[in-house]
Every structure is written in C-alpha cells, then in structure tokens.
C-alpha cells in the first residue's frame, strides 16, 4: 500500500504530488496557481490524492492548503481509504484533528477489511487518534444516526471490533480508552483471529500482559470459550505465554473489576477517578504478585524506601480511614460527608453481585449512615499552613483550618457508627478480600488460602 508518489500522468502532476509529500508549500502554491485542477487529481495506480499523501506524511500545512481550496476531505484511494484513515494509521494527530474539523466522515469503510478510521487507530495503537475520533463521534451526526455505543463497537468484515484489534496487536493504551468509552469486553469475533474469540482470547494469543490486566479489570470472563471450546488460559498455554497463562488460570484468585455499571462511577470527576483507578491497579498488582510468586515470572519486589515510612508516619489518627485504619481518607460521599480511603471505597463498590435480570450492580450505601451513595468526591485535605506554624494559636488555627475540626468530629461520628450492620458487613468484606494485602476483589468472597477450582478439564 503506497502512500508516496506513484505513477503520474504528467510532469506537473509528479511535481505536485512530490511537493505534497515533502511539504514544499512554495512549489505546491506555484503549481496550483498554474493549474488549479491539480488539487483534485490522483495518482494513476493507487489513486492517491494530495490529501492522502499529506495526511499519511503528517504535512498539516499542505493538508490545510488543499482543504482551503474546497477539496472534499473524504476522497478515496484504490482501497477505498480516506485521508483520515491514513492519518489514523500513521498516528498523525494534527492531520486527524484538521480532517475531523473539516467534516471528514468517520463512518466510511475501506475495501480491504471494511474497517473504519477507529479500527485503524486502534490497530496501530495511536491513543491520541483513538481519543480524537471518539470525541468526534460524540459531537457529529454519528451519535444520532448510529448511536455512540454502536460506533465504538463497529465490526469489520471479519467480525472484529476496534477492541479486538487493539487486544490482538498488544495495544494496552487503546484497549483502556476503548473500554472507558463503552467497548464490549465480552464481544465475540466472527472469523478474525480464531472464530468466536473474545478480546481476552486475542490478548492471550499475543501474550500481552498489560492488555490482559486491563481486560480482566473491566470484567473479561476467563471461562468464556471460543468456537473450538478453548478458554483464554488454554490459548496462552498453547502459545507458551507462561505469565499470561498464570493470570488467566481459572483456579487463580479473581481480579478486582472496575464497577463501571454504577452511575456514580461513570460520573466521577477526574481526580476521584484517578484515586480509585490507582487503588484498583494496586489491588490487582498485589494479586498478580501472589499468583506469580515462586515462578520464573515473579515480579521484582520494590526496594525499601524510607520516604514512604516517613510519609505514612505523617498521617494522623484524624485522617485515617475508619474501616481499615491503614490508609488516609481520600474519598468523600457527597451527600453525608463521610470519608474513606480509596481501597475501601472500591471494595464497597465491588462487593455486591450484579442483578441477574438487569446485569447491573445495586447502588451501595454508605457504611456509616446507610445513606445511598449518589456521588463521590475527593476528600477535603487538612490545611498545611497550621502544621508549618511553630507556635500556632489554637483559635487562629481553628479559624484558618475548619476542615481539621470537622474531620475530627466526623471521625468520631464514623467510629460511633461501627455497630451498624453495613459497617460490619464492609469490614467483613474487607477482611475476606484482604484488599491491602492480597489485592483481591470481586463479587465473590474468597478466603486467602482457597482458590476457585474449575469444574472442567483444561
């Protein structure tokens, strides 16, 4: 598939396409001034227009010059590929943004595999291009005509969605963005890869641990079978991906799954979401260490750091989470103001099983007051100004840092609520999940010495 200059009919055409390829604006302007019809011509064999050549080579100025002359952005080459597709393939984000701005159609399919620009961006792992295309899909008629969720899960002629392609090619960044935007983690392929494969099968086939981690954290089923009856674990074993097989083994502990069905999780502000995602990653990292411990795939232990000890010693009793008494409160329930650390908040959201009729998680209640959780915020932090004052005045400190007094009174209120059934239930769940030590979290309660045994012969 050529993206440069192939056979041209005349010398002027050849010079024109060469100028577009190398970004020679002066030569391009002179040639167009002499013959304006050059703007709409294409190479003889590959049918590449100057737009295709500029987009594939990242020549934004050339692209803008040609588009300003009224050339439509959706010209197709011999393979029915648009300039937007070529820009997405090569990761030329500036050209992608310019073409989208000028109304490029993101719903066009090429004639090679019937793939869209989203397929191509995901396949080659250009995360910024994936984000730009998805953003355009929310603000264009695509959302009205197709529906945004349908576009994210659009299939090529082999039944592969963009998530399937990203997982098979080992593109964890694209996998993450697609999952966050509604990609169906359990969707089956048609003939792509092996018939009936899920994204987890394809990630196991490529042996990409990062993709497997992300898919498992978004609820990918380790027991889903392809058309040959194989689970992802069997695929990883066949390909000799030992570490991947260990994580995919149904007898190993279940990973913690991001509680995406919950409405208030989908509406988290970026800072709160980052805290909970970090807790999820840490929990699953601890699970992974336990699974791989003693094997040749064991993860290296982090070197001891005195700074961490110093940092933990600075956390006062007034800031400690009243569920685990281990980490500082970082998440706050908006309605009642009660606070917890991110790991305990995540365990609370992941503890209940989905409703089998609606496949949605029941909204959890605050473990302290039993109030329904509708929104989570980042917990207000204590002012550091008072702590840095060598001779603080109590009245002045109270006036300058009302959050400290409020937090202490809240902690007393939290502690007084320990007798509630919900608090005891969450404490029990935290104990059985061993979140801070084992990194386990799912709809099941798993003892640290037990693992689920598969009911079938692998």
Foldseek 3Di string as FASTA:
>chain_A
DDLAADAADDPLLSQLRNCLQVVVPVSNVVSCVVPVVLLPFAHDPFRHGSLLNNLLNLNLVSNVVSVVSVDQQLDATPQSDTSLLNNLLNLNLSSNLVNLVRPHDQCAATNPFRDGSLLNNLLNQNLSSNVSSLVSCVVDCVCVPPNSLCQLQPATNFQDGSLLNNLLNQRLSSNQVSLLRNHDQLRFTDPPPHGGDGSLLSNLLNLHPSNNVNSLQAPHDQCRAGPVGDGSLVNNVVNVSVLSNLQSPQQAFRAHHFQVLDPQLNVADPVLVVQLVVLSVLLVVLQSQVSCPPHPPHDDDDDDDVVVVVVQVPDDQLQAAPQPSRDGWWKAQPPPGATGHSNLVSQQSFQAAADVVVRHGDFGADLQPRHTRDHMDTHDDFDCPQVPDPDDDVVVSCVVTVVSVVSNVSVVSSVVRCVDPSSVVSSVQCVQQVRNRNSHHHNDRHHPVGTDDDPDDD
